[in-house]
Amino acid sequence: AEERIKQGFLKFKNNFWLKNPQLYEKLSAGQSPKFMIFACSDSRVCPTTILGLQPGEAFVVRNIASMIPACGEAGFPSTSAALEYGVLHLKVEHILVIGHSRCGGIKALLTTDPEKKWSDYIQDWIKISTPVHSNQNHSHDIDERCSCGEKESVNVSLSNLMTFPWIKSAVEEKKLALHGGHYSFVTGTFQYWTPGSDKVDF
């Protein structure tokens, strides 16, 4: 592990850090990202990589299935604290929530018995997107249901964002915009939408 970490860092340092001195000199003075991104912790999904973002461009939060709890929902202060810092202190202009293909969190939500305890932490976390169940067509196979659920979970998070008074206020004052996305590493595609709009394929 040590050697992999060492070689990975040296590759980054030689190929990026040393070749971009002005960027890192600027970043040493502080950060002012325009984007705040919520993405899954899945090792196959790195939001800054798939969107080509450079250091300093995005304040990133990663968790299981890129879920965002509603304001005041007990037990999830980490996500709310990140939102507070990003919106009120960094003054980000855009929040992007990204779902992705083959998401284990969404599959667990759709295939496990909510009445039967099977996890100490994951089960409580994925309940954030419980509304996804009501929008499911159970006649579809599980892969299709998961694909739909991955996108619907993003919409649940976008709705939950508007339960935070300072986010709702910033959106209404057009100081902040909310965006949804779904990345498929299976097909190499990205779907983008804003609340209430149609999806656009990239």
C-alpha atoms as a PDB file:
ATOM      1  CA  ALA A   1       0.000   0.000   0.000  1.00  0.00           C
ATOM      2  CA  GLU A   2       2.786   2.448   0.892  1.00  0.00           C
ATOM      3  CA  GLU A   3       4.486   2.017  -2.468  1.00  0.00           C
ATOM      4  CA  ARG A   4       1.215   2.503  -4.372  1.00  0.00           C
ATOM      5  CA  ILE A   5       0.522   5.693  -2.417  1.00  0.00           C
ATOM      6  CA  LYS A   6       4.071   6.945  -2.984  1.00  0.00           C
ATOM      7  CA  GLN A   7       4.091   6.263  -6.718  1.00  0.00           C
ATOM      8  CA  GLY A   8       0.625   7.724  -7.148  1.00  0.00           C
ATOM      9  CA  PHE A   9       1.604  10.942  -5.394  1.00  0.00           C
ATOM     10  CA  LEU A  10       4.901  11.300  -7.253  1.00  0.00           C
ATOM     11  CA  LYS A  11       3.093  10.830 -10.564  1.00  0.00           C
ATOM     12  CA  PHE A  12       0.631  13.555  -9.617  1.00  0.00           C
ATOM     13  CA  LYS A  13       3.397  15.854  -8.389  1.00  0.00           C
ATOM     14  CA  ASN A  14       5.535  15.457 -11.503  1.00  0.00           C
ATOM     15  CA  ASN A  15       2.715  15.527 -14.045  1.00  0.00           C
ATOM     16  CA  PHE A  16       0.470  18.133 -12.471  1.00  0.00           C
ATOM     17  CA  TRP A  17       1.683  20.015  -9.391  1.00  0.00           C
ATOM     18  CA  LEU A  18       5.104  20.931 -10.774  1.00  0.00           C
ATOM     19  CA  LYS A  19       3.592  21.915 -14.128  1.00  0.00           C
ATOM     20  CA  ASN A  20       0.966  24.232 -12.633  1.00  0.00           C
ATOM     21  CA  PRO A  21       2.794  26.504 -10.165  1.00  0.00           C
ATOM     22  CA  GLN A  22       0.500  29.474 -10.753  1.00  0.00           C
ATOM     23  CA  LEU A  23      -2.599  27.419  -9.999  1.00  0.00           C
ATOM     24  CA  TYR A  24      -1.250  26.158  -6.693  1.00  0.00           C
ATOM     25  CA  GLU A  25       0.060  29.572  -5.727  1.00  0.00           C
ATOM     26  CA  LYS A  26      -3.480  30.889  -6.236  1.00  0.00           C
ATOM     27  CA  LEU A  27      -5.018  27.993  -4.289  1.00  0.00           C
ATOM     28  CA  SER A  28      -2.655  28.605  -1.369  1.00  0.00           C
ATOM     29  CA  ALA A  29      -4.455  31.908  -0.790  1.00  0.00           C
ATOM     30  CA  GLY A  30      -7.871  30.246  -0.436  1.00  0.00           C
ATOM     31  CA  GLN A  31     -10.709  28.615  -2.338  1.00  0.00           C
ATOM     32  CA  SER A  32     -13.752  30.048  -4.082  1.00  0.00           C
ATOM     33  CA  PRO A  33     -15.354  27.149  -5.979  1.00  0.00           C
ATOM     34  CA  LYS A  34     -18.442  27.830  -8.068  1.00  0.00           C
ATOM     35  CA  PHE A  35     -19.696  24.263  -7.759  1.00  0.00           C
ATOM     36  CA  MET A  36     -20.672  22.054  -4.850  1.00  0.00           C
ATOM     37  CA  ILE A  37     -21.005  18.434  -5.912  1.00  0.00           C
ATOM     38  CA  PHE A  38     -22.652  15.509  -4.145  1.00  0.00           C
ATOM     39  CA  ALA A  39     -21.476  12.177  -5.505  1.00  0.00           C
ATOM     40  CA  CYS A  40     -21.376   8.552  -4.431  1.00  0.00           C
ATOM     41  CA  SER A  41     -18.411   7.104  -2.560  1.00  0.00           C
ATOM     42  CA  ASP A  42     -18.288   4.307  -5.165  1.00  0.00           C
ATOM     43  CA  SER A  43     -14.678   3.797  -6.275  1.00  0.00           C
ATOM     44  CA  ARG A  44     -15.772   3.761  -9.927  1.00  0.00           C
ATOM     45  CA  VAL A  45     -17.223   7.265  -9.771  1.00  0.00           C
ATOM     46  CA  CYS A  46     -14.900  10.241  -9.281  1.00  0.00           C
ATOM     47  CA  PRO A  47     -16.880  13.428 -10.032  1.00  0.00           C
ATOM     48  CA  THR A  48     -13.909  15.697 -10.680  1.00  0.00           C
ATOM     49  CA  THR A  49     -12.476  13.150 -13.116  1.00  0.00           C
ATOM     50  CA  ILE A  50     -15.656  12.554 -15.127  1.00  0.00           C
ATOM     51  CA  LEU A  51     -16.417  16.292 -15.336  1.00  0.00           C
ATOM     52  CA  GLY A  52     -12.836  17.374 -15.991  1.00  0.00           C
ATOM     53  CA  LEU A  53     -12.749  19.717 -13.000  1.00  0.00           C
ATOM     54  CA  GLN A  54      -9.477  21.132 -11.715  1.00  0.00           C
ATOM     55  CA  PRO A  55      -8.453  21.688  -8.068  1.00  0.00           C
ATOM     56  CA  GLY A  56     -10.334  24.669  -6.688  1.00  0.00           C
ATOM     57  CA  GLU A  57     -13.340  24.343  -9.002  1.00  0.00           C
ATOM     58  CA  ALA A  58     -15.614  22.168  -6.864  1.00  0.00           C
ATOM     59  CA  PHE A  59     -16.365  21.580  -3.197  1.00  0.00           C
ATOM     60  CA  VAL A  60     -17.112  17.848  -3.167  1.00  0.00           C
ATOM     61  CA  VAL A  61     -19.131  15.717  -0.754  1.00  0.00           C
ATOM     62  CA  ARG A  62     -19.205  11.951  -1.224  1.00  0.00           C
ATOM     63  CA  ASN A  63     -21.358   9.419   0.588  1.00  0.00           C
ATOM     64  CA  ILE A  64     -23.361   6.262  -0.033  1.00  0.00           C
ATOM     65  CA  ALA A  65     -25.551   6.874  -3.124  1.00  0.00           C
ATOM     66  CA  SER A  66     -24.955  10.670  -3.022  1.00  0.00           C
ATOM     67  CA  MET A  67     -27.987  11.164  -0.783  1.00  0.00           C
ATOM     68  CA  ILE A  68     -28.944  14.407   0.969  1.00  0.00           C
ATOM     69  CA  PRO A  69     -31.228  14.260   4.022  1.00  0.00           C
ATOM     70  CA  ALA A  70     -33.952  16.816   4.627  1.00  0.00           C
ATOM     71  CA  CYS A  71     -33.207  19.756   6.901  1.00  0.00           C
ATOM     72  CA  GLY A  72     -33.341  18.798  10.561  1.00  0.00           C
ATOM     73  CA  GLU A  73     -33.361  15.060   9.917  1.00  0.00           C
ATOM     74  CA  ALA A  74     -31.646  13.566  12.951  1.00  0.00           C
ATOM     75  CA  GLY A  75     -28.430  11.601  12.718  1.00  0.00           C
ATOM     76  CA  PHE A  76     -26.877  13.106   9.588  1.00  0.00           C
ATOM     77  CA  PRO A  77     -24.984  16.269  10.677  1.00  0.00           C
ATOM     78  CA  SER A  78     -22.010  15.693   8.382  1.00  0.00           C
ATOM     79  CA  THR A  79     -23.983  16.301   5.195  1.00  0.00           C
ATOM     80  CA  SER A  80     -25.814  19.302   6.635  1.00  0.00           C
ATOM     81  CA  ALA A  81     -22.550  20.793   7.913  1.00  0.00           C
ATOM     82  CA  ALA A  82     -21.002  20.460   4.454  1.00  0.00           C
ATOM     83  CA  LEU A  83     -24.026  22.177   2.914  1.00  0.00           C
ATOM     84  CA  GLU A  84     -23.840  24.994   5.434  1.00  0.00           C
ATOM     85  CA  TYR A  85     -20.158  25.555   4.722  1.00  0.00           C
ATOM     86  CA  GLY A  86     -20.529  25.351   0.954  1.00  0.00           C
ATOM     87  CA  VAL A  87     -23.562  27.614   0.652  1.00  0.00           C
ATOM     88  CA  LEU A  88     -23.122  30.112   3.490  1.00  0.00           C
ATOM     89  CA  HIS A  89     -19.339  30.376   3.689  1.00  0.00           C
ATOM     90  CA  LEU A  90     -17.942  29.462   0.272  1.00  0.00           C
ATOM     91  CA  LYS A  91     -20.956  30.999  -1.478  1.00  0.00           C
ATOM     92  CA  VAL A  92     -21.087  28.314  -4.185  1.00  0.00           C
ATOM     93  CA  GLU A  93     -23.323  29.200  -7.116  1.00  0.00           C
ATOM     94  CA  HIS A  94     -24.327  25.687  -8.160  1.00  0.00           C
ATOM     95  CA  ILE A  95     -25.128  22.430  -6.356  1.00  0.00           C
ATOM     96  CA  LEU A  96     -24.932  19.322  -8.532  1.00  0.00           C
ATOM     97  CA  VAL A  97     -26.156  15.940  -7.276  1.00  0.00           C
ATOM     98  CA  ILE A  98     -24.852  13.000  -9.320  1.00  0.00           C
ATOM     99  CA  GLY A  99     -26.269   9.484  -9.318  1.00  0.00           C
ATOM    100  CA  HIS A 100     -24.596   6.643 -11.207  1.00  0.00           C
ATOM    101  CA  SER A 101     -25.044   3.251 -12.819  1.00  0.00           C
ATOM    102  CA  ARG A 102     -24.821   0.027 -10.791  1.00  0.00           C
ATOM    103  CA  CYS A 103     -25.247   1.918  -7.507  1.00  0.00           C
ATOM    104  CA  GLY A 104     -25.121  -0.527  -4.605  1.00  0.00           C
ATOM    105  CA  GLY A 105     -26.920   1.849  -2.254  1.00  0.00           C
ATOM    106  CA  ILE A 106     -29.934   2.159  -4.534  1.00  0.00           C
ATOM    107  CA  LYS A 107     -30.010  -1.580  -5.181  1.00  0.00           C
ATOM    108  CA  ALA A 108     -30.009  -2.199  -1.428  1.00  0.00           C
ATOM    109  CA  LEU A 109     -32.858   0.283  -1.009  1.00  0.00           C
ATOM    110  CA  LEU A 110     -34.963  -1.483  -3.633  1.00  0.00           C
ATOM    111  CA  THR A 111     -34.192  -5.112  -2.791  1.00  0.00           C
ATOM    112  CA  THR A 112     -34.026  -5.362   1.006  1.00  0.00           C
ATOM    113  CA  ASP A 113     -36.879  -5.669   3.495  1.00  0.00           C
ATOM    114  CA  PRO A 114     -37.183  -2.307   5.304  1.00  0.00           C
ATOM    115  CA  GLU A 115     -38.792  -4.064   8.280  1.00  0.00           C
ATOM    116  CA  LYS A 116     -35.866  -6.444   8.776  1.00  0.00           C
ATOM    117  CA  LYS A 117     -32.673  -5.097  10.323  1.00  0.00           C
ATOM    118  CA  TRP A 118     -29.613  -6.047   8.272  1.00  0.00           C
ATOM    119  CA  SER A 119     -27.189  -3.183   8.922  1.00  0.00           C
ATOM    120  CA  ASP A 120     -26.043  -0.929  11.757  1.00  0.00           C
ATOM    121  CA  TYR A 121     -25.615   2.187   9.610  1.00  0.00           C
ATOM    122  CA  ILE A 122     -26.284   1.670   5.887  1.00  0.00           C
ATOM    123  CA  GLN A 123     -29.942   0.784   6.344  1.00  0.00           C
ATOM    124  CA  ASP A 124     -30.722   4.009   8.220  1.00  0.00           C
ATOM    125  CA  TRP A 125     -28.791   6.072   5.670  1.00  0.00           C
ATOM    126  CA  ILE A 126     -30.494   4.772   2.525  1.00  0.00           C
ATOM    127  CA  LYS A 127     -33.923   5.387   4.083  1.00  0.00           C
ATOM    128  CA  ILE A 128     -33.327   8.999   3.035  1.00  0.00           C
ATOM    129  CA  SER A 129     -34.425   7.953  -0.458  1.00  0.00           C
ATOM    130  CA  THR A 130     -37.414   5.852   0.639  1.00  0.00           C
ATOM    131  CA  PRO A 131     -39.749   7.979  -1.588  1.00  0.00           C
ATOM    132  CA  VAL A 132     -38.072   6.272  -4.561  1.00  0.00           C
ATOM    133  CA  HIS A 133     -40.184   3.180  -3.761  1.00  0.00           C
ATOM    134  CA  SER A 134     -43.455   4.958  -4.496  1.00  0.00           C
ATOM    135  CA  ASN A 135     -42.321   5.912  -7.992  1.00  0.00           C
ATOM    136  CA  GLN A 136     -41.252   2.414  -8.982  1.00  0.00           C
ATOM    137  CA  ASN A 137     -42.931   0.227 -11.580  1.00  0.00           C
ATOM    138  CA  HIS A 138     -42.519  -3.157  -9.903  1.00  0.00           C
ATOM    139  CA  SER A 139     -43.299  -4.998 -13.140  1.00  0.00           C
ATOM    140  CA  HIS A 140     -39.866  -4.001 -14.455  1.00  0.00           C
ATOM    141  CA  ASP A 141     -36.793  -6.140 -13.848  1.00  0.00           C
ATOM    142  CA  ILE A 142     -34.413  -5.153 -11.066  1.00  0.00           C
ATOM    143  CA  ASP A 143     -31.783  -3.630 -13.378  1.00  0.00           C
ATOM    144  CA  GLU A 144     -34.346  -1.305 -14.937  1.00  0.00           C
ATOM    145  CA  ARG A 145     -35.808  -0.459 -11.541  1.00  0.00           C
ATOM    146  CA  CYS A 146     -32.345   0.365 -10.212  1.00  0.00           C
ATOM    147  CA  SER A 147     -31.563   2.570 -13.205  1.00  0.00           C
ATOM    148  CA  CYS A 148     -34.779   4.518 -12.654  1.00  0.00           C
ATOM    149  CA  GLY A 149     -34.183   4.558  -8.908  1.00  0.00           C
ATOM    150  CA  GLU A 150     -30.700   6.023  -9.298  1.00  0.00           C
ATOM    151  CA  LYS A 151     -32.170   9.035 -11.080  1.00  0.00           C
ATOM    152  CA  GLU A 152     -35.210   9.342  -8.843  1.00  0.00           C
ATOM    153  CA  SER A 153     -32.964   9.340  -5.770  1.00  0.00           C
ATOM    154  CA  VAL A 154     -31.199  12.391  -7.197  1.00  0.00           C
ATOM    155  CA  ASN A 155     -34.595  14.101  -7.424  1.00  0.00           C
ATOM    156  CA  VAL A 156     -35.322  13.213  -3.792  1.00  0.00           C
ATOM    157  CA  SER A 157     -32.048  14.870  -2.791  1.00  0.00           C
ATOM    158  CA  LEU A 158     -32.813  17.937  -4.907  1.00  0.00           C
ATOM    159  CA  SER A 159     -36.182  18.233  -3.158  1.00  0.00           C
ATOM    160  CA  ASN A 160     -34.549  17.794   0.241  1.00  0.00           C
ATOM    161  CA  LEU A 161     -32.137  20.622  -0.526  1.00  0.00           C
ATOM    162  CA  MET A 162     -35.077  23.005  -0.717  1.00  0.00           C
ATOM    163  CA  THR A 163     -36.037  22.161   2.886  1.00  0.00           C
ATOM    164  CA  PHE A 164     -32.988  24.113   4.088  1.00  0.00           C
ATOM    165  CA  PRO A 165     -34.236  27.711   4.527  1.00  0.00           C
ATOM    166  CA  TRP A 166     -30.985  29.344   3.416  1.00  0.00           C
ATOM    167  CA  ILE A 167     -30.809  27.165   0.299  1.00  0.00           C
ATOM    168  CA  LYS A 168     -34.445  27.879  -0.584  1.00  0.00           C
ATOM    169  CA  SER A 169     -33.800  31.590  -0.107  1.00  0.00           C
ATOM    170  CA  ALA A 170     -30.633  31.546  -2.234  1.00  0.00           C
ATOM    171  CA  VAL A 171     -32.427  29.663  -5.031  1.00  0.00           C
ATOM    172  CA  GLU A 172     -35.376  32.060  -4.993  1.00  0.00           C
ATOM    173  CA  GLU A 173     -32.979  35.021  -5.107  1.00  0.00           C
ATOM    174  CA  LYS A 174     -31.186  33.348  -8.041  1.00  0.00           C
ATOM    175  CA  LYS A 175     -27.908  33.286  -6.152  1.00  0.00           C
ATOM    176  CA  LEU A 176     -27.855  29.487  -6.233  1.00  0.00           C
ATOM    177  CA  ALA A 177     -28.949  26.929  -8.836  1.00  0.00           C
ATOM    178  CA  LEU A 178     -29.646  23.221  -8.325  1.00  0.00           C
ATOM    179  CA  HIS A 179     -28.695  20.564 -10.877  1.00  0.00           C
ATOM    180  CA  GLY A 180     -29.132  16.808 -11.208  1.00  0.00           C
ATOM    181  CA  GLY A 181     -26.999  14.336 -13.109  1.00  0.00           C
ATOM    182  CA  HIS A 182     -26.603  10.611 -13.751  1.00  0.00           C
ATOM    183  CA  TYR A 183     -23.336   9.089 -14.916  1.00  0.00           C
ATOM    184  CA  SER A 184     -23.223   5.650 -16.524  1.00  0.00           C
ATOM    185  CA  PHE A 185     -19.797   4.055 -16.612  1.00  0.00           C
ATOM    186  CA  VAL A 186     -21.467   1.156 -18.440  1.00  0.00           C
ATOM    187  CA  THR A 187     -22.440   3.206 -21.504  1.00  0.00           C
ATOM    188  CA  GLY A 188     -20.099   6.175 -21.072  1.00  0.00           C
ATOM    189  CA  THR A 189     -22.981   8.666 -20.939  1.00  0.00           C
ATOM    190  CA  PHE A 190     -24.090  11.494 -18.657  1.00  0.00           C
ATOM    191  CA  GLN A 191     -27.643  12.758 -18.208  1.00  0.00           C
ATOM    192  CA  TYR A 192     -28.176  16.299 -16.940  1.00  0.00           C
ATOM    193  CA  TRP A 193     -31.302  18.056 -15.712  1.00  0.00           C
ATOM    194  CA  THR A 194     -32.562  20.793 -13.436  1.00  0.00           C
ATOM    195  CA  PRO A 195     -35.602  20.420 -11.136  1.00  0.00           C
ATOM    196  CA  GLY A 196     -38.730  20.206 -13.272  1.00  0.00           C
ATOM    197  CA  SER A 197     -36.875  20.034 -16.595  1.00  0.00           C
ATOM    198  CA  ASP A 198     -36.335  17.227 -19.095  1.00  0.00           C
ATOM    199  CA  LYS A 199     -33.117  15.252 -19.039  1.00  0.00           C
ATOM    200  CA  VAL A 200     -30.400  16.060 -21.577  1.00  0.00           C
ATOM    201  CA  ASP A 201     -27.938  13.390 -22.712  1.00  0.00           C
ATOM    202  CA  PHE A 202     -24.246  14.236 -23.024  1.00  0.00           C
END
